[in-house]
C-alpha atoms as a PDB file:
ATOM      1  CA  MET A   1      87.198  80.993 105.574  1.00  0.00           C
ATOM      2  CA  VAL A   2      90.419  81.337 103.581  1.00  0.00           C
ATOM      3  CA  ILE A   3      93.827  79.757 103.228  1.00  0.00           C
ATOM      4  CA  ILE A   4      96.536  82.211 102.248  1.00  0.00           C
ATOM      5  CA  GLU A   5      99.905  81.038 101.039  1.00  0.00           C
ATOM      6  CA  VAL A   6     102.456  83.536 102.335  1.00  0.00           C
ATOM      7  CA  VAL A   7     106.137  83.895 101.361  1.00  0.00           C
ATOM      8  CA  SER A   8     108.888  85.560 103.342  1.00  0.00           C
ATOM      9  CA  GLY A   9     112.319  85.225 101.760  1.00  0.00           C
ATOM     10  CA  GLU A  10     112.709  81.562 100.831  1.00  0.00           C
ATOM     11  CA  LYS A  11     110.191  80.354 103.422  1.00  0.00           C
ATOM     12  CA  SER A  12     106.481  79.905 102.630  1.00  0.00           C
ATOM     13  CA  GLU A  13     103.582  78.854 104.837  1.00  0.00           C
ATOM     14  CA  ASN A  14      99.812  78.526 104.720  1.00  0.00           C
ATOM     15  CA  ILE A  15      97.705  80.600 107.071  1.00  0.00           C
ATOM     16  CA  ARG A  16      94.098  79.554 107.577  1.00  0.00           C
ATOM     17  CA  GLY A  17      91.300  81.546 109.165  1.00  0.00           C
ATOM     18  CA  LEU A  18      88.605  84.172 108.734  1.00  0.00           C
ATOM     19  CA  LEU A  19      89.170  87.541 107.145  1.00  0.00           C
ATOM     20  CA  SER A  20      89.103  90.080 109.950  1.00  0.00           C
ATOM     21  CA  GLN A  21      90.185  93.367 108.320  1.00  0.00           C
ATOM     22  CA  VAL A  22      91.145  94.299 104.759  1.00  0.00           C
ATOM     23  CA  GLY A  23      93.235  97.318 103.866  1.00  0.00           C
ATOM     24  CA  THR A  24      94.779  98.667 100.703  1.00  0.00           C
ATOM     25  CA  ASP A  25      98.004  96.692 101.189  1.00  0.00           C
ATOM     26  CA  TYR A  26      97.217  94.102 103.906  1.00  0.00           C
ATOM     27  CA  VAL A  27      94.691  91.611 105.270  1.00  0.00           C
ATOM     28  CA  ASP A  28      94.144  90.534 108.884  1.00  0.00           C
ATOM     29  CA  ILE A  29      93.262  86.856 109.379  1.00  0.00           C
ATOM     30  CA  LYS A  30      91.706  85.600 112.608  1.00  0.00           C
ATOM     31  CA  LYS A  31      93.017  82.063 113.263  1.00  0.00           C
ATOM     32  CA  SER A  32      91.160  79.328 115.144  1.00  0.00           C
ATOM     33  CA  ASP A  33      93.125  80.083 118.322  1.00  0.00           C
ATOM     34  CA  GLY A  34      91.840  83.677 118.273  1.00  0.00           C
ATOM     35  CA  LYS A  35      95.148  85.233 117.216  1.00  0.00           C
ATOM     36  CA  VAL A  36      95.011  87.835 114.455  1.00  0.00           C
ATOM     37  CA  VAL A  37      97.778  87.716 111.829  1.00  0.00           C
ATOM     38  CA  THR A  38      98.488  90.680 109.541  1.00  0.00           C
ATOM     39  CA  ILE A  39      99.675  89.735 106.060  1.00  0.00           C
ATOM     40  CA  LEU A  40     101.103  92.321 103.655  1.00  0.00           C
ATOM     41  CA  GLN A  41      99.856  92.168 100.076  1.00  0.00           C
ATOM     42  CA  SER A  42     103.433  91.771  98.820  1.00  0.00           C
ATOM     43  CA  GLN A  43     103.772  88.505 100.793  1.00  0.00           C
ATOM     44  CA  ILE A  44     100.600  86.822  99.437  1.00  0.00           C
ATOM     45  CA  LEU A  45     101.179  84.125  96.810  1.00  0.00           C
ATOM     46  CA  LYS A  46      97.766  82.514  96.656  1.00  0.00           C
ATOM     47  CA  ILE A  47      94.344  82.779  98.294  1.00  0.00           C
ATOM     48  CA  VAL A  48      91.883  79.879  98.462  1.00  0.00           C
ATOM     49  CA  TRP A  49      88.308  80.691  99.503  1.00  0.00           C
ATOM     50  CA  LEU A  50      86.844  77.759 101.417  1.00  0.00           C
ATOM     51  CA  ASP A  51      83.308  79.097 101.911  1.00  0.00           C
ATOM     52  CA  ARG A  52      82.031  80.835  98.833  1.00  0.00           C
ATOM     53  CA  LYS A  53      78.452  81.252 100.029  1.00  0.00           C
ATOM     54  CA  LYS A  54      77.405  84.597 101.445  1.00  0.00           C
ATOM     55  CA  ALA A  55      76.866  84.310 105.184  1.00  0.00           C
ATOM     56  CA  SER A  56      75.636  86.634 107.886  1.00  0.00           C
ATOM     57  CA  PRO A  57      78.015  87.422 110.780  1.00  0.00           C
ATOM     58  CA  LEU A  58      76.088  84.896 112.896  1.00  0.00           C
ATOM     59  CA  ASP A  59      76.589  82.193 110.255  1.00  0.00           C
ATOM     60  CA  ARG A  60      80.327  83.005 110.020  1.00  0.00           C
ATOM     61  CA  ALA A  61      80.729  82.636 113.785  1.00  0.00           C
ATOM     62  CA  LYS A  62      80.078  78.898 113.540  1.00  0.00           C
ATOM     63  CA  TYR A  63      83.236  78.521 111.388  1.00  0.00           C
ATOM     64  CA  VAL A  64      85.576  79.932 114.019  1.00  0.00           C
ATOM     65  CA  GLY A  65      87.548  77.014 115.361  1.00  0.00           C
ATOM     66  CA  ASP A  66      85.933  74.531 112.953  1.00  0.00           C
ATOM     67  CA  PHE A  67      88.467  74.211 110.180  1.00  0.00           C
ATOM     68  CA  HIS A  68      87.822  70.608 109.193  1.00  0.00           C
ATOM     69  CA  SER A  69      84.758  70.741 106.985  1.00  0.00           C
ATOM     70  CA  GLU A  70      84.147  67.920 104.502  1.00  0.00           C
ATOM     71  CA  GLU A  71      84.436  70.235 101.507  1.00  0.00           C
ATOM     72  CA  ASP A  72      87.961  71.345 102.456  1.00  0.00           C
ATOM     73  CA  GLY A  73      89.481  68.296 100.788  1.00  0.00           C
ATOM     74  CA  ASP A  74      88.732  69.348  97.194  1.00  0.00           C
ATOM     75  CA  PHE A  75      89.969  72.873  97.769  1.00  0.00           C
ATOM     76  CA  LEU A  76      93.151  71.696  99.492  1.00  0.00           C
ATOM     77  CA  GLU A  77      93.987  69.420  96.525  1.00  0.00           C
ATOM     78  CA  ASP A  78      93.767  72.457  94.218  1.00  0.00           C
ATOM     79  CA  PHE A  79      95.842  74.469  96.677  1.00  0.00           C
ATOM     80  CA  GLU A  80      98.759  72.026  96.604  1.00  0.00           C
ATOM     81  CA  GLU A  81      99.396  72.462  92.829  1.00  0.00           C
END
C-alpha cells in the first residue's frame, strides 16, 4: 500500500492504492475502486509506504479496498509535512 503525492502544474493530489506495475519512468497504482492510475515519474513528489512488511500476493489481496488501517495515522502525519 502506498500514498503518492502527484503534481501537475500548480495542482497536487494524493493517490492511494497498491502498486500494480512499475516501469522505468512510471508506476501504475490500483485504487480501492479497482481503477488503475498511471503516474509518470516526473509527476511524483513523494511516496509513503504504508505496509513495509513483505507479503505474499494472497496477503496483499486483503488490503484491496481496506485503506483505513490503524497504523495509517502515524504515516499520514509524516506525509502532511
